[in-house]
Amino acid sequence: MTVLKSIALFLLAAVSEIGGAWLIWQGWREHRGLWWIAGGVLALGAYGFVATFQPDPNFGRILAAYGGIFVAGSLAWGILVDRFKPDRYDLLGAAICLLGVIVIMYAPRNT
């Protein structure tokens, strides 16, 4: 159950951070306005809190592992929202990053 909670929190963090950055991008670069930017700022602020709910107490470990989620999540966002077409190296890189997440967060440790 702890691993499932951790994965759900990582996914929520990714949607908050990537979605927030995308909203700011849309507001500024695509000239959609300040409301889009404000929504992005709120989403990025929410992202800042999500990591505090991770079961592991080590900030550095959580943030390092989240980096892999961010990489894969950014590609997924691009595919789903912006119709980005990743090549095999994008996909390989994302898979390597996700493997890193598994090793960092879920490897058995002596406690």
C-alpha atoms as a PDB file:
ATOM      1  CA  MET A   1       0.000   0.000   0.000  1.00  0.00           C
ATOM      2  CA  THR A   2       2.856   2.392   0.748  1.00  0.00           C
ATOM      3  CA  VAL A   3       4.325   1.936  -2.742  1.00  0.00           C
ATOM      4  CA  LEU A   4       0.933   2.612  -4.346  1.00  0.00           C
ATOM      5  CA  LYS A   5       0.530   5.775  -2.258  1.00  0.00           C
ATOM      6  CA  SER A   6       4.011   6.897  -3.262  1.00  0.00           C
ATOM      7  CA  ILE A   7       3.341   6.293  -6.961  1.00  0.00           C
ATOM      8  CA  ALA A   8       0.016   8.155  -6.765  1.00  0.00           C
ATOM      9  CA  LEU A   9       1.763  11.106  -5.109  1.00  0.00           C
ATOM     10  CA  PHE A  10       4.463  11.118  -7.784  1.00  0.00           C
ATOM     11  CA  LEU A  11       1.771  11.185 -10.484  1.00  0.00           C
ATOM     12  CA  LEU A  12      -0.070  14.001  -8.721  1.00  0.00           C
ATOM     13  CA  ALA A  13       3.193  15.933  -8.418  1.00  0.00           C
ATOM     14  CA  ALA A  14       3.879  15.460 -12.124  1.00  0.00           C
ATOM     15  CA  VAL A  15       0.432  16.676 -13.175  1.00  0.00           C
ATOM     16  CA  SER A  16       0.763  19.692 -10.865  1.00  0.00           C
ATOM     17  CA  GLU A  17       4.264  20.661 -11.952  1.00  0.00           C
ATOM     18  CA  ILE A  18       4.060  19.881 -15.649  1.00  0.00           C
ATOM     19  CA  GLY A  19       0.516  21.184 -15.909  1.00  0.00           C
ATOM     20  CA  GLY A  20       1.459  24.365 -14.070  1.00  0.00           C
ATOM     21  CA  ALA A  21       4.455  24.985 -16.285  1.00  0.00           C
ATOM     22  CA  TRP A  22       2.317  24.283 -19.364  1.00  0.00           C
ATOM     23  CA  LEU A  23      -0.322  26.786 -18.213  1.00  0.00           C
ATOM     24  CA  ILE A  24       2.343  29.464 -17.762  1.00  0.00           C
ATOM     25  CA  TRP A  25       3.767  28.604 -21.190  1.00  0.00           C
ATOM     26  CA  GLN A  26       0.312  28.920 -22.720  1.00  0.00           C
ATOM     27  CA  GLY A  27      -0.393  32.182 -20.927  1.00  0.00           C
ATOM     28  CA  TRP A  28       2.895  33.812 -21.872  1.00  0.00           C
ATOM     29  CA  ARG A  29       4.182  32.212 -25.072  1.00  0.00           C
ATOM     30  CA  GLU A  30       0.789  31.566 -26.649  1.00  0.00           C
ATOM     31  CA  HIS A  31      -0.673  34.876 -25.399  1.00  0.00           C
ATOM     32  CA  ARG A  32      -3.631  33.314 -23.607  1.00  0.00           C
ATOM     33  CA  GLY A  33      -3.454  35.790 -20.758  1.00  0.00           C
ATOM     34  CA  LEU A  34      -2.858  36.279 -17.082  1.00  0.00           C
ATOM     35  CA  TRP A  35      -5.568  33.839 -15.940  1.00  0.00           C
ATOM     36  CA  TRP A  36      -3.651  30.974 -17.527  1.00  0.00           C
ATOM     37  CA  ILE A  37      -0.463  32.175 -15.855  1.00  0.00           C
ATOM     38  CA  ALA A  38      -2.237  32.509 -12.495  1.00  0.00           C
ATOM     39  CA  GLY A  39      -3.555  28.953 -12.831  1.00  0.00           C
ATOM     40  CA  GLY A  40      -0.038  27.779 -13.568  1.00  0.00           C
ATOM     41  CA  VAL A  41       1.355  29.532 -10.506  1.00  0.00           C
ATOM     42  CA  LEU A  42      -1.309  27.903  -8.318  1.00  0.00           C
ATOM     43  CA  ALA A  43      -0.597  24.469  -9.791  1.00  0.00           C
ATOM     44  CA  LEU A  44       3.139  24.903  -9.240  1.00  0.00           C
ATOM     45  CA  GLY A  45       2.446  25.954  -5.659  1.00  0.00           C
ATOM     46  CA  ALA A  46       0.365  22.802  -5.147  1.00  0.00           C
ATOM     47  CA  TYR A  47       3.240  20.751  -6.543  1.00  0.00           C
ATOM     48  CA  GLY A  48       5.457  22.147  -3.810  1.00  0.00           C
ATOM     49  CA  PHE A  49       3.243  20.576  -1.159  1.00  0.00           C
ATOM     50  CA  VAL A  50       2.673  17.171  -2.752  1.00  0.00           C
ATOM     51  CA  ALA A  51       6.157  15.840  -1.962  1.00  0.00           C
ATOM     52  CA  THR A  52       5.583  16.460   1.741  1.00  0.00           C
ATOM     53  CA  PHE A  53       3.046  13.627   1.745  1.00  0.00           C
ATOM     54  CA  GLN A  54       5.504  11.002   0.468  1.00  0.00           C
ATOM     55  CA  PRO A  55       5.954   8.170   2.989  1.00  0.00           C
ATOM     56  CA  ASP A  56       9.774   8.341   2.798  1.00  0.00           C
ATOM     57  CA  PRO A  57      11.146  11.074   5.110  1.00  0.00           C
ATOM     58  CA  ASN A  58      14.200  11.915   2.964  1.00  0.00           C
ATOM     59  CA  PHE A  59      13.675  15.056   0.884  1.00  0.00           C
ATOM     60  CA  GLY A  60      16.737  14.471  -1.292  1.00  0.00           C
ATOM     61  CA  ARG A  61      15.707  10.920  -2.161  1.00  0.00           C
ATOM     62  CA  ILE A  62      12.169  11.942  -3.021  1.00  0.00           C
ATOM     63  CA  LEU A  63      13.231  14.862  -5.179  1.00  0.00           C
ATOM     64  CA  ALA A  64      15.899  12.805  -6.946  1.00  0.00           C
ATOM     65  CA  ALA A  65      13.426  10.036  -7.705  1.00  0.00           C
ATOM     66  CA  TYR A  66      10.796  12.544  -8.784  1.00  0.00           C
ATOM     67  CA  GLY A  67      13.238  13.777 -11.418  1.00  0.00           C
ATOM     68  CA  GLY A  68      12.711  10.510 -13.289  1.00  0.00           C
ATOM     69  CA  ILE A  69       8.947  10.852 -13.016  1.00  0.00           C
ATOM     70  CA  PHE A  70       9.232  14.411 -14.317  1.00  0.00           C
ATOM     71  CA  VAL A  71      11.202  13.323 -17.389  1.00  0.00           C
ATOM     72  CA  ALA A  72       8.788  10.525 -18.323  1.00  0.00           C
ATOM     73  CA  GLY A  73       5.756  12.628 -17.380  1.00  0.00           C
ATOM     74  CA  SER A  74       6.910  15.521 -19.539  1.00  0.00           C
ATOM     75  CA  LEU A  75       7.160  13.239 -22.551  1.00  0.00           C
ATOM     76  CA  ALA A  76       3.740  11.759 -21.779  1.00  0.00           C
ATOM     77  CA  TRP A  77       2.254  15.260 -21.443  1.00  0.00           C
ATOM     78  CA  GLY A  78       3.784  16.211 -24.773  1.00  0.00           C
ATOM     79  CA  ILE A  79       2.305  13.141 -26.423  1.00  0.00           C
ATOM     80  CA  LEU A  80      -1.180  13.560 -24.940  1.00  0.00           C
ATOM     81  CA  VAL A  81      -1.556  17.338 -24.944  1.00  0.00           C
ATOM     82  CA  ASP A  82       0.779  18.712 -27.611  1.00  0.00           C
ATOM     83  CA  ARG A  83       0.750  15.730 -30.011  1.00  0.00           C
ATOM     84  CA  PHE A  84       4.522  15.375 -29.649  1.00  0.00           C
ATOM     85  CA  LYS A  85       5.940  12.292 -31.364  1.00  0.00           C
ATOM     86  CA  PRO A  86       8.864  10.934 -29.357  1.00  0.00           C
ATOM     87  CA  ASP A  87      11.560   8.940 -31.062  1.00  0.00           C
ATOM     88  CA  ARG A  88      13.077   5.754 -29.704  1.00  0.00           C
ATOM     89  CA  TYR A  89      15.766   7.682 -27.845  1.00  0.00           C
ATOM     90  CA  ASP A  90      13.168   9.779 -26.041  1.00  0.00           C
ATOM     91  CA  LEU A  91      11.414   6.577 -24.986  1.00  0.00           C
ATOM     92  CA  LEU A  92      14.655   4.843 -24.018  1.00  0.00           C
ATOM     93  CA  GLY A  93      15.709   7.839 -21.939  1.00  0.00           C
ATOM     94  CA  ALA A  94      12.345   7.924 -20.175  1.00  0.00           C
ATOM     95  CA  ALA A  95      12.576   4.187 -19.444  1.00  0.00           C
ATOM     96  CA  ILE A  96      16.058   4.644 -17.965  1.00  0.00           C
ATOM     97  CA  CYS A  97      14.744   7.467 -15.792  1.00  0.00           C
ATOM     98  CA  LEU A  98      11.847   5.327 -14.548  1.00  0.00           C
ATOM     99  CA  LEU A  99      14.268   2.520 -13.750  1.00  0.00           C
ATOM    100  CA  GLY A 100      16.184   5.060 -11.672  1.00  0.00           C
ATOM    101  CA  VAL A 101      12.987   5.914  -9.789  1.00  0.00           C
ATOM    102  CA  ILE A 102      12.452   2.257  -8.941  1.00  0.00           C
ATOM    103  CA  VAL A 103      16.021   1.816  -7.728  1.00  0.00           C
ATOM    104  CA  ILE A 104      16.076   5.030  -5.690  1.00  0.00           C
ATOM    105  CA  MET A 105      12.648   4.747  -4.082  1.00  0.00           C
ATOM    106  CA  TYR A 106      11.725   1.111  -3.895  1.00  0.00           C
ATOM    107  CA  ALA A 107      14.933  -0.901  -3.516  1.00  0.00           C
ATOM    108  CA  PRO A 108      15.001  -2.883  -0.264  1.00  0.00           C
ATOM    109  CA  ARG A 109      16.988  -1.094   2.423  1.00  0.00           C
ATOM    110  CA  ASN A 110      18.139  -1.939   5.894  1.00  0.00           C
ATOM    111  CA  THR A 111      16.214   0.283   8.266  1.00  0.00           C
END
